[in-house]
Amino acid sequence: MATPTSSFHLQRDVFNQTTYSQLRELWFRGQSESDAAPNSEALKRWFGVGNSPQEKEALDEECRAIAGAALSTISPSHLVLPSFTGYASDLANANTIAAPFLDEVNRVQQEDETEAAKTLLSLVLLLDQMPRNLFRQHEDLPIIYQHYDRLAWTLVRSTLASNQNLMEHPFLKSRTYWSWFLLPLMHSEDLPSHELAQQLESRWRQRANEPSEGPVADFARNYDRSARQHVETIERFGRYPHRNGCLGRESTVDEERYLETADTFGVTQRAGSSIKDEL
């Protein structure tokens, strides 16, 4: 039987420092903590740039081996979320929806601030990125948008509201790390969240004193370009039209015209195809 988030407890055999460390080691493999920009290996892993189908499949299997069990224990069959009535309601109830993950971060933070920052990063990667590697099929996308994305979004929004200092811990000063906190906001169909992501990106960029040229600047420009594409879509439609098919939403005439030529952020519009959605 599924349990509501308010009384749900994470299973310690899969939600532990070993799992969190393995997640970070996988996602940041080849990167040092001092690297301010991702290397070519990381870009391939994160964005699929130049990856062969075999390489993508191998990465998915690595993600499944590390994150599959943890995601299964918090799937809709185990962890029930309140009915979605809008982002305003989810924001008002963010502390409750994200309670198991907030409790986990707080538990670690009582003992070690740095480990808590690492734990927060690991949980965001688990909730926001791992499902996009494990559920690539068109028919599986709803579990990302309607379940794991809500958990990631409420975790980030709640942390920003009550524990932003942890999100700005020195360990997370590099764009290589803090950029992942912005993606749950970008993946939402909530314009205020996109505007918040823009504000945070500017704030954290200044805080990191990023150079105006070089690999870090190139990575920042690519991020800015993608962020603009996302926010322009939300400003125009109030939602991502490319999600309409898998979510059973009827597209408007304007959306249908848009989908004929638009960048759908890597999301296939055909059932039965394997994809990775939106980073």
C-alpha atoms as a PDB file:
ATOM      1  CA  MET A   1       0.000   0.000   0.000  1.00  0.00           C
ATOM      2  CA  ALA A   2       1.252   3.462  -0.898  1.00  0.00           C
ATOM      3  CA  THR A   3       2.075   5.819   1.971  1.00  0.00           C
ATOM      4  CA  PRO A   4       1.574   9.616   1.944  1.00  0.00           C
ATOM      5  CA  THR A   5       4.736  11.698   2.138  1.00  0.00           C
ATOM      6  CA  SER A   6       3.848  13.073   5.574  1.00  0.00           C
ATOM      7  CA  SER A   7       4.334   9.640   7.152  1.00  0.00           C
ATOM      8  CA  PHE A   8       6.749   8.078   4.671  1.00  0.00           C
ATOM      9  CA  HIS A   9      10.232   7.011   5.740  1.00  0.00           C
ATOM     10  CA  LEU A  10      13.099   6.450   3.324  1.00  0.00           C
ATOM     11  CA  GLN A  11      14.544   2.954   3.342  1.00  0.00           C
ATOM     12  CA  ARG A  12      17.995   3.178   4.834  1.00  0.00           C
ATOM     13  CA  ASP A  13      19.328   0.232   2.828  1.00  0.00           C
ATOM     14  CA  VAL A  14      19.127   2.341  -0.353  1.00  0.00           C
ATOM     15  CA  PHE A  15      18.983   5.916   0.975  1.00  0.00           C
ATOM     16  CA  ASN A  16      22.403   6.185   2.570  1.00  0.00           C
ATOM     17  CA  GLN A  17      25.795   7.798   2.074  1.00  0.00           C
ATOM     18  CA  THR A  18      27.008   4.884  -0.032  1.00  0.00           C
ATOM     19  CA  THR A  19      24.249   5.424  -2.576  1.00  0.00           C
ATOM     20  CA  TYR A  20      24.711   9.199  -2.524  1.00  0.00           C
ATOM     21  CA  SER A  21      28.455   8.874  -3.043  1.00  0.00           C
ATOM     22  CA  GLN A  22      27.979   6.431  -5.915  1.00  0.00           C
ATOM     23  CA  LEU A  23      25.523   8.818  -7.569  1.00  0.00           C
ATOM     24  CA  ARG A  24      27.978  11.694  -7.436  1.00  0.00           C
ATOM     25  CA  GLU A  25      30.863   9.505  -8.556  1.00  0.00           C
ATOM     26  CA  LEU A  26      28.843   8.430 -11.583  1.00  0.00           C
ATOM     27  CA  TRP A  27      27.534  11.866 -12.514  1.00  0.00           C
ATOM     28  CA  PHE A  28      30.793  13.750 -11.944  1.00  0.00           C
ATOM     29  CA  ARG A  29      33.203  11.032 -13.019  1.00  0.00           C
ATOM     30  CA  GLY A  30      36.393  12.565 -14.352  1.00  0.00           C
ATOM     31  CA  GLN A  31      35.662  15.887 -12.637  1.00  0.00           C
ATOM     32  CA  SER A  32      37.488  17.221  -9.607  1.00  0.00           C
ATOM     33  CA  GLU A  33      35.776  19.333  -6.960  1.00  0.00           C
ATOM     34  CA  SER A  34      37.746  22.347  -8.161  1.00  0.00           C
ATOM     35  CA  ASP A  35      36.594  22.067 -11.795  1.00  0.00           C
ATOM     36  CA  ALA A  36      34.335  25.002 -12.618  1.00  0.00           C
ATOM     37  CA  ALA A  37      33.249  23.616 -15.994  1.00  0.00           C
ATOM     38  CA  PRO A  38      32.491  20.083 -17.187  1.00  0.00           C
ATOM     39  CA  ASN A  39      34.980  18.207 -19.325  1.00  0.00           C
ATOM     40  CA  SER A  40      34.018  16.518 -22.598  1.00  0.00           C
ATOM     41  CA  GLU A  41      33.316  13.208 -20.863  1.00  0.00           C
ATOM     42  CA  ALA A  42      30.849  14.863 -18.492  1.00  0.00           C
ATOM     43  CA  LEU A  43      29.101  16.700 -21.334  1.00  0.00           C
ATOM     44  CA  LYS A  44      28.567  13.399 -23.137  1.00  0.00           C
ATOM     45  CA  ARG A  45      27.179  11.838 -19.985  1.00  0.00           C
ATOM     46  CA  TRP A  46      24.872  14.721 -19.093  1.00  0.00           C
ATOM     47  CA  PHE A  47      23.634  15.810 -22.506  1.00  0.00           C
ATOM     48  CA  GLY A  48      24.324  12.806 -24.723  1.00  0.00           C
ATOM     49  CA  VAL A  49      26.585  14.865 -27.000  1.00  0.00           C
ATOM     50  CA  GLY A  50      28.297  12.442 -29.369  1.00  0.00           C
ATOM     51  CA  ASN A  51      27.133   9.342 -27.506  1.00  0.00           C
ATOM     52  CA  SER A  52      26.457   6.218 -29.533  1.00  0.00           C
ATOM     53  CA  PRO A  53      23.315   4.174 -28.747  1.00  0.00           C
ATOM     54  CA  GLN A  54      25.563   1.646 -27.031  1.00  0.00           C
ATOM     55  CA  GLU A  55      27.124   4.334 -24.835  1.00  0.00           C
ATOM     56  CA  LYS A  56      23.701   5.677 -23.875  1.00  0.00           C
ATOM     57  CA  GLU A  57      22.528   2.192 -22.991  1.00  0.00           C
ATOM     58  CA  ALA A  58      25.638   1.582 -20.899  1.00  0.00           C
ATOM     59  CA  LEU A  59      25.047   4.837 -18.999  1.00  0.00           C
ATOM     60  CA  ASP A  60      21.424   3.912 -18.392  1.00  0.00           C
ATOM     61  CA  GLU A  61      22.500   0.588 -16.947  1.00  0.00           C
ATOM     62  CA  GLU A  62      24.935   2.340 -14.610  1.00  0.00           C
ATOM     63  CA  CYS A  63      22.174   4.701 -13.505  1.00  0.00           C
ATOM     64  CA  ARG A  64      19.814   1.780 -12.976  1.00  0.00           C
ATOM     65  CA  ALA A  65      22.365  -0.157 -10.935  1.00  0.00           C
ATOM     66  CA  ILE A  66      22.912   2.784  -8.584  1.00  0.00           C
ATOM     67  CA  ALA A  67      19.533   4.537  -8.504  1.00  0.00           C
ATOM     68  CA  GLY A  68      16.997   1.951  -9.618  1.00  0.00           C
ATOM     69  CA  ALA A  69      16.308   0.445  -6.210  1.00  0.00           C
ATOM     70  CA  ALA A  70      16.004   3.826  -4.494  1.00  0.00           C
ATOM     71  CA  LEU A  71      13.616   5.164  -7.138  1.00  0.00           C
ATOM     72  CA  SER A  72      11.545   1.996  -6.904  1.00  0.00           C
ATOM     73  CA  THR A  73      11.022   2.444  -3.159  1.00  0.00           C
ATOM     74  CA  ILE A  74       9.585   5.940  -3.738  1.00  0.00           C
ATOM     75  CA  SER A  75       7.573   5.110  -6.864  1.00  0.00           C
ATOM     76  CA  PRO A  76       3.821   5.897  -6.946  1.00  0.00           C
ATOM     77  CA  SER A  77       3.039   2.384  -5.748  1.00  0.00           C
ATOM     78  CA  HIS A  78       4.926   3.113  -2.504  1.00  0.00           C
ATOM     79  CA  LEU A  79       4.804   6.899  -2.093  1.00  0.00           C
ATOM     80  CA  VAL A  80       1.515   8.628  -2.865  1.00  0.00           C
ATOM     81  CA  LEU A  81       1.451  12.347  -3.637  1.00  0.00           C
ATOM     82  CA  PRO A  82      -1.572  14.602  -3.192  1.00  0.00           C
ATOM     83  CA  SER A  83      -3.581  15.203  -6.347  1.00  0.00           C
ATOM     84  CA  PHE A  84      -1.966  17.901  -8.444  1.00  0.00           C
ATOM     85  CA  THR A  85      -4.125  21.028  -8.542  1.00  0.00           C
ATOM     86  CA  GLY A  86      -1.434  23.515  -9.537  1.00  0.00           C
ATOM     87  CA  TYR A  87       2.026  24.758  -8.659  1.00  0.00           C
ATOM     88  CA  ALA A  88       0.684  27.258  -6.139  1.00  0.00           C
ATOM     89  CA  SER A  89      -0.793  24.397  -4.130  1.00  0.00           C
ATOM     90  CA  ASP A  90       2.371  22.316  -4.413  1.00  0.00           C
ATOM     91  CA  LEU A  91       4.427  25.292  -3.249  1.00  0.00           C
ATOM     92  CA  ALA A  92       2.140  25.826  -0.257  1.00  0.00           C
ATOM     93  CA  ASN A  93       2.550  22.144   0.619  1.00  0.00           C
ATOM     94  CA  ALA A  94       6.179  21.754  -0.455  1.00  0.00           C
ATOM     95  CA  ASN A  95       7.400  20.945   3.053  1.00  0.00           C
ATOM     96  CA  THR A  96       4.918  18.082   3.257  1.00  0.00           C
ATOM     97  CA  ILE A  97       5.405  16.722  -0.253  1.00  0.00           C
ATOM     98  CA  ALA A  98       9.200  16.735   0.063  1.00  0.00           C
ATOM     99  CA  ALA A  99       9.183  15.797   3.762  1.00  0.00           C
ATOM    100  CA  PRO A 100      11.104  12.489   3.524  1.00  0.00           C
ATOM    101  CA  PHE A 101      13.947  14.142   1.605  1.00  0.00           C
ATOM    102  CA  LEU A 102      14.009  17.299   3.703  1.00  0.00           C
ATOM    103  CA  ASP A 103      14.187  15.119   6.807  1.00  0.00           C
ATOM    104  CA  GLU A 104      17.097  13.213   5.305  1.00  0.00           C
ATOM    105  CA  VAL A 105      19.033  16.395   4.543  1.00  0.00           C
ATOM    106  CA  ASN A 106      18.275  17.816   7.993  1.00  0.00           C
ATOM    107  CA  ARG A 107      19.396  14.592   9.660  1.00  0.00           C
ATOM    108  CA  VAL A 108      22.763  14.735   7.918  1.00  0.00           C
ATOM    109  CA  GLN A 109      23.086  18.490   8.452  1.00  0.00           C
ATOM    110  CA  GLN A 110      22.897  18.058  12.217  1.00  0.00           C
ATOM    111  CA  GLU A 111      26.163  16.153  12.006  1.00  0.00           C
ATOM    112  CA  ASP A 112      28.049  17.662   9.065  1.00  0.00           C
ATOM    113  CA  GLU A 113      27.235  20.684   6.870  1.00  0.00           C
ATOM    114  CA  THR A 114      29.417  19.576   3.981  1.00  0.00           C
ATOM    115  CA  GLU A 115      27.932  16.088   3.905  1.00  0.00           C
ATOM    116  CA  ALA A 116      24.469  17.656   4.016  1.00  0.00           C
ATOM    117  CA  ALA A 117      25.290  19.777   0.951  1.00  0.00           C
ATOM    118  CA  LYS A 118      26.513  16.669  -0.847  1.00  0.00           C
ATOM    119  CA  THR A 119      23.398  14.771   0.231  1.00  0.00           C
ATOM    120  CA  LEU A 120      21.125  17.519  -1.081  1.00  0.00           C
ATOM    121  CA  LEU A 121      22.909  17.483  -4.433  1.00  0.00           C
ATOM    122  CA  SER A 122      22.651  13.695  -4.590  1.00  0.00           C
ATOM    123  CA  LEU A 123      18.916  13.717  -3.852  1.00  0.00           C
ATOM    124  CA  VAL A 124      18.245  16.322  -6.534  1.00  0.00           C
ATOM    125  CA  LEU A 125      20.201  14.244  -9.045  1.00  0.00           C
ATOM    126  CA  LEU A 126      18.292  11.149  -7.966  1.00  0.00           C
ATOM    127  CA  LEU A 127      14.853  12.749  -8.307  1.00  0.00           C
ATOM    128  CA  ASP A 128      15.416  14.993 -11.323  1.00  0.00           C
ATOM    129  CA  GLN A 129      18.042  13.281 -13.480  1.00  0.00           C
ATOM    130  CA  MET A 130      17.991   9.546 -12.799  1.00  0.00           C
ATOM    131  CA  PRO A 131      14.345   9.066 -13.887  1.00  0.00           C
ATOM    132  CA  ARG A 132      15.245  10.672 -17.219  1.00  0.00           C
ATOM    133  CA  ASN A 133      17.757   7.889 -17.785  1.00  0.00           C
ATOM    134  CA  LEU A 134      15.614   5.067 -16.433  1.00  0.00           C
ATOM    135  CA  PHE A 135      12.278   5.981 -18.034  1.00  0.00           C
ATOM    136  CA  ARG A 136      13.155   6.889 -21.612  1.00  0.00           C
ATOM    137  CA  GLN A 137      10.134   5.307 -23.287  1.00  0.00           C
ATOM    138  CA  HIS A 138       7.343   7.639 -24.415  1.00  0.00           C
ATOM    139  CA  GLU A 139       4.749   5.682 -22.439  1.00  0.00           C
ATOM    140  CA  ASP A 140       6.848   5.911 -19.257  1.00  0.00           C
ATOM    141  CA  LEU A 141       7.257   9.704 -19.288  1.00  0.00           C
ATOM    142  CA  PRO A 142       4.208  10.470 -17.083  1.00  0.00           C
ATOM    143  CA  ILE A 143       5.958   9.003 -14.039  1.00  0.00           C
ATOM    144  CA  ILE A 144       8.697  11.599 -14.534  1.00  0.00           C
ATOM    145  CA  TYR A 145       6.423  14.605 -15.013  1.00  0.00           C
ATOM    146  CA  GLN A 146       3.715  13.680 -12.516  1.00  0.00           C
ATOM    147  CA  HIS A 147       5.724  12.064  -9.733  1.00  0.00           C
ATOM    148  CA  TYR A 148       9.513  12.409  -9.603  1.00  0.00           C
ATOM    149  CA  ASP A 149       9.517  15.971 -10.973  1.00  0.00           C
ATOM    150  CA  ARG A 150       7.085  17.040  -8.255  1.00  0.00           C
ATOM    151  CA  LEU A 151       9.370  15.575  -5.604  1.00  0.00           C
ATOM    152  CA  ALA A 152      12.441  17.291  -7.062  1.00  0.00           C
ATOM    153  CA  TRP A 153      10.630  20.618  -7.504  1.00  0.00           C
ATOM    154  CA  THR A 154       9.225  20.716  -3.964  1.00  0.00           C
ATOM    155  CA  LEU A 155      12.594  19.679  -2.505  1.00  0.00           C
ATOM    156  CA  VAL A 156      14.333  22.557  -4.286  1.00  0.00           C
ATOM    157  CA  ARG A 157      11.598  25.116  -3.580  1.00  0.00           C
ATOM    158  CA  SER A 158      11.379  24.170   0.092  1.00  0.00           C
ATOM    159  CA  THR A 159      15.155  24.250   0.522  1.00  0.00           C
ATOM    160  CA  LEU A 160      15.366  27.658  -1.139  1.00  0.00           C
ATOM    161  CA  ALA A 161      12.689  28.954   1.223  1.00  0.00           C
ATOM    162  CA  SER A 162      14.073  27.614   4.484  1.00  0.00           C
ATOM    163  CA  ASN A 163      17.658  26.416   4.010  1.00  0.00           C
ATOM    164  CA  GLN A 164      19.187  28.367   1.118  1.00  0.00           C
ATOM    165  CA  ASN A 165      22.483  28.719   2.982  1.00  0.00           C
ATOM    166  CA  LEU A 166      23.000  24.987   2.559  1.00  0.00           C
ATOM    167  CA  MET A 167      22.372  25.273  -1.178  1.00  0.00           C
ATOM    168  CA  GLU A 168      25.066  27.975  -1.201  1.00  0.00           C
ATOM    169  CA  HIS A 169      27.566  25.915   0.792  1.00  0.00           C
ATOM    170  CA  PRO A 170      31.189  26.417  -0.372  1.00  0.00           C
ATOM    171  CA  PHE A 171      31.277  22.835  -1.662  1.00  0.00           C
ATOM    172  CA  LEU A 172      28.534  23.771  -4.142  1.00  0.00           C
ATOM    173  CA  LYS A 173      30.140  27.011  -5.343  1.00  0.00           C
ATOM    174  CA  SER A 174      31.050  25.608  -8.773  1.00  0.00           C
ATOM    175  CA  ARG A 175      28.521  25.816 -11.632  1.00  0.00           C
ATOM    176  CA  THR A 176      29.273  22.146 -12.215  1.00  0.00           C
ATOM    177  CA  TYR A 177      27.328  21.501  -9.003  1.00  0.00           C
ATOM    178  CA  TRP A 178      24.833  24.311  -8.470  1.00  0.00           C
ATOM    179  CA  SER A 179      23.414  24.232 -11.981  1.00  0.00           C
ATOM    180  CA  TRP A 180      21.629  20.985 -11.108  1.00  0.00           C
ATOM    181  CA  PHE A 181      19.488  22.799  -8.538  1.00  0.00           C
ATOM    182  CA  LEU A 182      18.074  24.957 -11.335  1.00  0.00           C
ATOM    183  CA  LEU A 183      16.890  22.123 -13.555  1.00  0.00           C
ATOM    184  CA  PRO A 184      13.878  21.054 -11.445  1.00  0.00           C
ATOM    185  CA  LEU A 185      12.722  24.671 -11.744  1.00  0.00           C
ATOM    186  CA  MET A 186      13.265  24.627 -15.520  1.00  0.00           C
ATOM    187  CA  HIS A 187      11.506  21.291 -15.885  1.00  0.00           C
ATOM    188  CA  SER A 188       8.380  22.708 -14.272  1.00  0.00           C
ATOM    189  CA  GLU A 189       5.544  24.289 -16.234  1.00  0.00           C
ATOM    190  CA  ASP A 190       5.522  27.143 -13.732  1.00  0.00           C
ATOM    191  CA  LEU A 191       6.661  30.536 -15.019  1.00  0.00           C
ATOM    192  CA  PRO A 192       7.569  31.920 -11.546  1.00  0.00           C
ATOM    193  CA  SER A 193       9.936  28.958 -11.110  1.00  0.00           C
ATOM    194  CA  HIS A 194      11.664  29.785 -14.384  1.00  0.00           C
ATOM    195  CA  GLU A 195      12.013  33.405 -13.304  1.00  0.00           C
ATOM    196  CA  LEU A 196      13.426  32.237  -9.975  1.00  0.00           C
ATOM    197  CA  ALA A 197      15.930  30.031 -11.809  1.00  0.00           C
ATOM    198  CA  GLN A 198      17.092  33.052 -13.803  1.00  0.00           C
ATOM    199  CA  GLN A 199      17.551  35.075 -10.618  1.00  0.00           C
ATOM    200  CA  LEU A 200      19.484  32.282  -8.922  1.00  0.00           C
ATOM    201  CA  GLU A 201      21.685  31.720 -11.960  1.00  0.00           C
ATOM    202  CA  SER A 202      22.661  35.389 -11.945  1.00  0.00           C
ATOM    203  CA  ARG A 203      23.240  35.397  -8.184  1.00  0.00           C
ATOM    204  CA  TRP A 204      25.339  32.236  -8.157  1.00  0.00           C
ATOM    205  CA  ARG A 205      27.287  33.251 -11.255  1.00  0.00           C
ATOM    206  CA  GLN A 206      28.371  36.445  -9.507  1.00  0.00           C
ATOM    207  CA  ARG A 207      29.095  34.555  -6.308  1.00  0.00           C
ATOM    208  CA  ALA A 208      31.391  32.169  -8.185  1.00  0.00           C
ATOM    209  CA  ASN A 209      33.108  35.110  -9.908  1.00  0.00           C
ATOM    210  CA  GLU A 210      32.982  33.294 -13.226  1.00  0.00           C
ATOM    211  CA  PRO A 211      35.296  34.418 -16.049  1.00  0.00           C
ATOM    212  CA  SER A 212      33.831  35.973 -19.182  1.00  0.00           C
ATOM    213  CA  GLU A 213      35.794  33.712 -21.537  1.00  0.00           C
ATOM    214  CA  GLY A 214      36.874  30.086 -21.614  1.00  0.00           C
ATOM    215  CA  PRO A 215      35.168  26.748 -20.846  1.00  0.00           C
ATOM    216  CA  VAL A 216      33.136  28.081 -17.912  1.00  0.00           C
ATOM    217  CA  ALA A 217      31.794  30.960 -19.998  1.00  0.00           C
ATOM    218  CA  ASP A 218      30.961  28.585 -22.858  1.00  0.00           C
ATOM    219  CA  PHE A 219      29.070  26.291 -20.499  1.00  0.00           C
ATOM    220  CA  ALA A 220      27.220  29.290 -19.046  1.00  0.00           C
ATOM    221  CA  ARG A 221      26.229  30.538 -22.499  1.00  0.00           C
ATOM    222  CA  ASN A 222      24.882  27.119 -23.463  1.00  0.00           C
ATOM    223  CA  TYR A 223      22.897  27.021 -20.236  1.00  0.00           C
ATOM    224  CA  ASP A 224      21.512  30.510 -20.882  1.00  0.00           C
ATOM    225  CA  ARG A 225      20.459  29.532 -24.396  1.00  0.00           C
ATOM    226  CA  SER A 226      18.626  26.455 -23.143  1.00  0.00           C
ATOM    227  CA  ALA A 227      17.017  28.364 -20.270  1.00  0.00           C
ATOM    228  CA  ARG A 228      15.701  31.006 -22.666  1.00  0.00           C
ATOM    229  CA  GLN A 229      14.184  28.340 -24.913  1.00  0.00           C
ATOM    230  CA  HIS A 230      12.438  26.773 -21.939  1.00  0.00           C
ATOM    231  CA  VAL A 231      11.072  30.011 -20.491  1.00  0.00           C
ATOM    232  CA  GLU A 232       9.915  31.294 -23.883  1.00  0.00           C
ATOM    233  CA  THR A 233       7.886  28.121 -24.337  1.00  0.00           C
ATOM    234  CA  ILE A 234       6.246  28.527 -20.927  1.00  0.00           C
ATOM    235  CA  GLU A 235       5.596  32.221 -21.540  1.00  0.00           C
ATOM    236  CA  ARG A 236       3.890  31.424 -24.835  1.00  0.00           C
ATOM    237  CA  PHE A 237       1.862  28.339 -23.907  1.00  0.00           C
ATOM    238  CA  GLY A 238       1.874  28.067 -20.122  1.00  0.00           C
ATOM    239  CA  ARG A 239       3.090  24.488 -20.534  1.00  0.00           C
ATOM    240  CA  TYR A 240       5.407  22.313 -22.617  1.00  0.00           C
ATOM    241  CA  PRO A 241       3.414  21.269 -25.704  1.00  0.00           C
ATOM    242  CA  HIS A 242       5.772  18.354 -26.349  1.00  0.00           C
ATOM    243  CA  ARG A 243       4.432  16.705 -23.179  1.00  0.00           C
ATOM    244  CA  ASN A 244       0.826  16.811 -24.346  1.00  0.00           C
ATOM    245  CA  GLY A 245       0.854  13.456 -26.109  1.00  0.00           C
ATOM    246  CA  CYS A 246       2.189  11.338 -23.252  1.00  0.00           C
ATOM    247  CA  LEU A 247       0.048  13.186 -20.681  1.00  0.00           C
ATOM    248  CA  GLY A 248      -3.155  12.834 -22.681  1.00  0.00           C
ATOM    249  CA  ARG A 249      -3.526  16.586 -23.141  1.00  0.00           C
ATOM    250  CA  GLU A 250      -5.138  17.946 -26.275  1.00  0.00           C
ATOM    251  CA  SER A 251      -2.894  20.318 -28.189  1.00  0.00           C
ATOM    252  CA  THR A 252      -4.214  23.623 -29.430  1.00  0.00           C
ATOM    253  CA  VAL A 253      -3.882  24.567 -33.093  1.00  0.00           C
ATOM    254  CA  ASP A 254      -1.047  26.929 -32.150  1.00  0.00           C
ATOM    255  CA  GLU A 255       0.719  24.170 -30.240  1.00  0.00           C
ATOM    256  CA  GLU A 256       0.379  21.760 -33.162  1.00  0.00           C
ATOM    257  CA  ARG A 257       1.978  24.291 -35.491  1.00  0.00           C
ATOM    258  CA  TYR A 258       4.723  24.881 -32.939  1.00  0.00           C
ATOM    259  CA  LEU A 259       5.482  21.171 -32.604  1.00  0.00           C
ATOM    260  CA  GLU A 260       6.022  20.834 -36.346  1.00  0.00           C
ATOM    261  CA  THR A 261       9.301  22.742 -36.147  1.00  0.00           C
ATOM    262  CA  ALA A 262      10.016  23.380 -32.457  1.00  0.00           C
ATOM    263  CA  ASP A 263      12.852  22.090 -30.326  1.00  0.00           C
ATOM    264  CA  THR A 264      11.177  19.548 -28.060  1.00  0.00           C
ATOM    265  CA  PHE A 265      14.261  19.337 -25.814  1.00  0.00           C
ATOM    266  CA  GLY A 266      15.029  15.789 -26.864  1.00  0.00           C
ATOM    267  CA  VAL A 267      11.541  14.419 -26.218  1.00  0.00           C
ATOM    268  CA  THR A 268      10.201  12.084 -28.874  1.00  0.00           C
ATOM    269  CA  GLN A 269       6.640  12.628 -30.048  1.00  0.00           C
ATOM    270  CA  ARG A 270       6.154   8.984 -30.995  1.00  0.00           C
ATOM    271  CA  ALA A 271       5.219   6.162 -28.665  1.00  0.00           C
ATOM    272  CA  GLY A 272       7.713   3.346 -28.494  1.00  0.00           C
ATOM    273  CA  SER A 273      10.813   5.478 -29.019  1.00  0.00           C
ATOM    274  CA  SER A 274      13.688   5.743 -26.588  1.00  0.00           C
ATOM    275  CA  ILE A 275      14.673   9.254 -25.522  1.00  0.00           C
ATOM    276  CA  LYS A 276      16.069  11.318 -22.731  1.00  0.00           C
ATOM    277  CA  ASP A 277      13.906  14.245 -21.762  1.00  0.00           C
ATOM    278  CA  GLU A 278      15.173  17.764 -21.158  1.00  0.00           C
ATOM    279  CA  LEU A 279      18.605  17.060 -19.739  1.00  0.00           C
END
